[in-house]
Amino acid sequence: MNQERLKAFCKDIDIPELEKRLRAFERICEGGKQAGPIGGLPLSGRFRWLTANRSTIVQTSAVHPGLCNDASETLRRLMAELVL
């Protein structure tokens, strides 16, 4: 996580709190008891919970279904274009 870049958006950002929220997202993605009650939901329920636009700390973008021929290459390209 590039802290300088994040602080360019919000100079008062609480980096430890953001990291805590992102780790919670990871645990929910993985599922299981370590993710609390939400971790017990089926994969589809956890996906809907994670993509709901209600968080003020971590907010995902809108979900858009799509098709591709090479999922690995598409993921690499999207990460390079939109995240890194």
C-alpha atoms as a PDB file:
ATOM      1  CA  MET A   1       0.000   0.000   0.000  1.00  0.00           C
ATOM      2  CA  ASN A   2       1.454   3.341  -1.080  1.00  0.00           C
ATOM      3  CA  GLN A   3       0.878   5.549   1.959  1.00  0.00           C
ATOM      4  CA  GLU A   4       2.063   8.737   0.239  1.00  0.00           C
ATOM      5  CA  ARG A   5      -0.413   8.202  -2.576  1.00  0.00           C
ATOM      6  CA  LEU A   6      -3.243   7.590  -0.118  1.00  0.00           C
ATOM      7  CA  LYS A   7      -2.349  10.733   1.810  1.00  0.00           C
ATOM      8  CA  ALA A   8      -2.566  12.702  -1.440  1.00  0.00           C
ATOM      9  CA  PHE A   9      -6.287  11.861  -1.420  1.00  0.00           C
ATOM     10  CA  CYS A  10      -6.751  12.398   2.315  1.00  0.00           C
ATOM     11  CA  LYS A  11      -3.941  13.891   4.389  1.00  0.00           C
ATOM     12  CA  ASP A  12      -5.560  12.746   7.654  1.00  0.00           C
ATOM     13  CA  ILE A  13      -6.166   9.130   6.617  1.00  0.00           C
ATOM     14  CA  ASP A  14      -5.810   6.590   9.408  1.00  0.00           C
ATOM     15  CA  ILE A  15      -3.512   4.038   7.733  1.00  0.00           C
ATOM     16  CA  PRO A  16      -3.724   1.412  10.532  1.00  0.00           C
ATOM     17  CA  GLU A  17      -7.543   1.569  10.419  1.00  0.00           C
ATOM     18  CA  LEU A  18      -7.547   1.199   6.632  1.00  0.00           C
ATOM     19  CA  GLU A  19      -5.195  -1.796   6.861  1.00  0.00           C
ATOM     20  CA  LYS A  20      -7.488  -3.352   9.484  1.00  0.00           C
ATOM     21  CA  ARG A  21     -10.507  -2.939   7.190  1.00  0.00           C
ATOM     22  CA  LEU A  22      -8.646  -4.381   4.199  1.00  0.00           C
ATOM     23  CA  ARG A  23      -7.565  -7.428   6.240  1.00  0.00           C
ATOM     24  CA  ALA A  24     -11.220  -7.935   7.207  1.00  0.00           C
ATOM     25  CA  PHE A  25     -12.122  -7.898   3.501  1.00  0.00           C
ATOM     26  CA  GLU A  26      -9.493 -10.587   2.871  1.00  0.00           C
ATOM     27  CA  ARG A  27     -10.814 -12.778   5.686  1.00  0.00           C
ATOM     28  CA  ILE A  28     -14.380 -12.451   4.402  1.00  0.00           C
ATOM     29  CA  CYS A  29     -13.232 -13.393   0.891  1.00  0.00           C
ATOM     30  CA  GLU A  30     -11.603 -16.534   2.291  1.00  0.00           C
ATOM     31  CA  GLY A  31     -14.628 -17.387   4.439  1.00  0.00           C
ATOM     32  CA  GLY A  32     -14.626 -19.424   7.626  1.00  0.00           C
ATOM     33  CA  LYS A  33     -14.768 -18.678  11.338  1.00  0.00           C
ATOM     34  CA  GLN A  34     -11.908 -16.133  11.269  1.00  0.00           C
ATOM     35  CA  ALA A  35     -14.226 -13.862   9.240  1.00  0.00           C
ATOM     36  CA  GLY A  36     -16.964 -13.840  11.876  1.00  0.00           C
ATOM     37  CA  PRO A  37     -20.644 -14.414  11.058  1.00  0.00           C
ATOM     38  CA  ILE A  38     -20.243 -13.139   7.488  1.00  0.00           C
ATOM     39  CA  GLY A  39     -17.538 -15.744   6.889  1.00  0.00           C
ATOM     40  CA  GLY A  40     -20.175 -18.435   7.348  1.00  0.00           C
ATOM     41  CA  LEU A  41     -22.220 -17.198   4.411  1.00  0.00           C
ATOM     42  CA  PRO A  42     -21.943 -19.000   1.074  1.00  0.00           C
ATOM     43  CA  LEU A  43     -19.531 -17.487  -1.459  1.00  0.00           C
ATOM     44  CA  SER A  44     -22.336 -15.656  -3.274  1.00  0.00           C
ATOM     45  CA  GLY A  45     -23.550 -14.069  -0.018  1.00  0.00           C
ATOM     46  CA  ARG A  46     -20.051 -12.960   0.949  1.00  0.00           C
ATOM     47  CA  PHE A  47     -19.582 -11.458  -2.533  1.00  0.00           C
ATOM     48  CA  ARG A  48     -22.824  -9.477  -2.234  1.00  0.00           C
ATOM     49  CA  TRP A  49     -21.869  -8.309   1.254  1.00  0.00           C
ATOM     50  CA  LEU A  50     -18.417  -7.141   0.106  1.00  0.00           C
ATOM     51  CA  THR A  51     -19.728  -5.305  -2.959  1.00  0.00           C
ATOM     52  CA  ALA A  52     -22.597  -3.509  -1.195  1.00  0.00           C
ATOM     53  CA  ASN A  53     -22.101   0.277  -1.309  1.00  0.00           C
ATOM     54  CA  ARG A  54     -22.454   1.025   2.368  1.00  0.00           C
ATOM     55  CA  SER A  55     -18.947   1.276   3.814  1.00  0.00           C
ATOM     56  CA  THR A  56     -17.439   4.674   4.518  1.00  0.00           C
ATOM     57  CA  ILE A  57     -13.929   3.226   4.861  1.00  0.00           C
ATOM     58  CA  VAL A  58     -13.573   0.740   1.990  1.00  0.00           C
ATOM     59  CA  GLN A  59     -15.985   1.045  -0.903  1.00  0.00           C
ATOM     60  CA  THR A  60     -15.831  -1.202  -3.924  1.00  0.00           C
ATOM     61  CA  SER A  61     -16.747  -0.003  -7.379  1.00  0.00           C
ATOM     62  CA  ALA A  62     -19.897  -1.196  -9.119  1.00  0.00           C
ATOM     63  CA  VAL A  63     -19.877  -4.810 -10.246  1.00  0.00           C
ATOM     64  CA  HIS A  64     -19.965  -5.309 -14.002  1.00  0.00           C
ATOM     65  CA  PRO A  65     -20.292  -8.793 -15.459  1.00  0.00           C
ATOM     66  CA  GLY A  66     -18.123  -9.543 -18.429  1.00  0.00           C
ATOM     67  CA  LEU A  67     -16.477 -12.224 -20.511  1.00  0.00           C
ATOM     68  CA  CYS A  68     -12.869 -12.658 -21.565  1.00  0.00           C
ATOM     69  CA  ASN A  69     -10.726 -15.223 -23.331  1.00  0.00           C
ATOM     70  CA  ASP A  70      -7.811 -15.125 -20.871  1.00  0.00           C
ATOM     71  CA  ALA A  71      -8.823 -14.389 -17.275  1.00  0.00           C
ATOM     72  CA  SER A  72      -5.231 -14.211 -15.976  1.00  0.00           C
ATOM     73  CA  GLU A  73      -4.186 -11.702 -18.628  1.00  0.00           C
ATOM     74  CA  THR A  74      -7.342  -9.636 -18.138  1.00  0.00           C
ATOM     75  CA  LEU A  75      -6.782  -9.516 -14.366  1.00  0.00           C
ATOM     76  CA  ARG A  76      -3.132  -8.501 -14.864  1.00  0.00           C
ATOM     77  CA  ARG A  77      -4.119  -5.749 -17.306  1.00  0.00           C
ATOM     78  CA  LEU A  78      -6.915  -4.401 -15.088  1.00  0.00           C
ATOM     79  CA  MET A  79      -4.649  -4.369 -12.032  1.00  0.00           C
ATOM     80  CA  ALA A  80      -2.001  -2.444 -13.995  1.00  0.00           C
ATOM     81  CA  GLU A  81      -4.509   0.026 -15.442  1.00  0.00           C
ATOM     82  CA  LEU A  82      -6.793   0.598 -12.476  1.00  0.00           C
ATOM     83  CA  VAL A  83      -4.970  -0.289  -9.285  1.00  0.00           C
ATOM     84  CA  LEU A  84      -1.195   0.024  -9.506  1.00  0.00           C
END
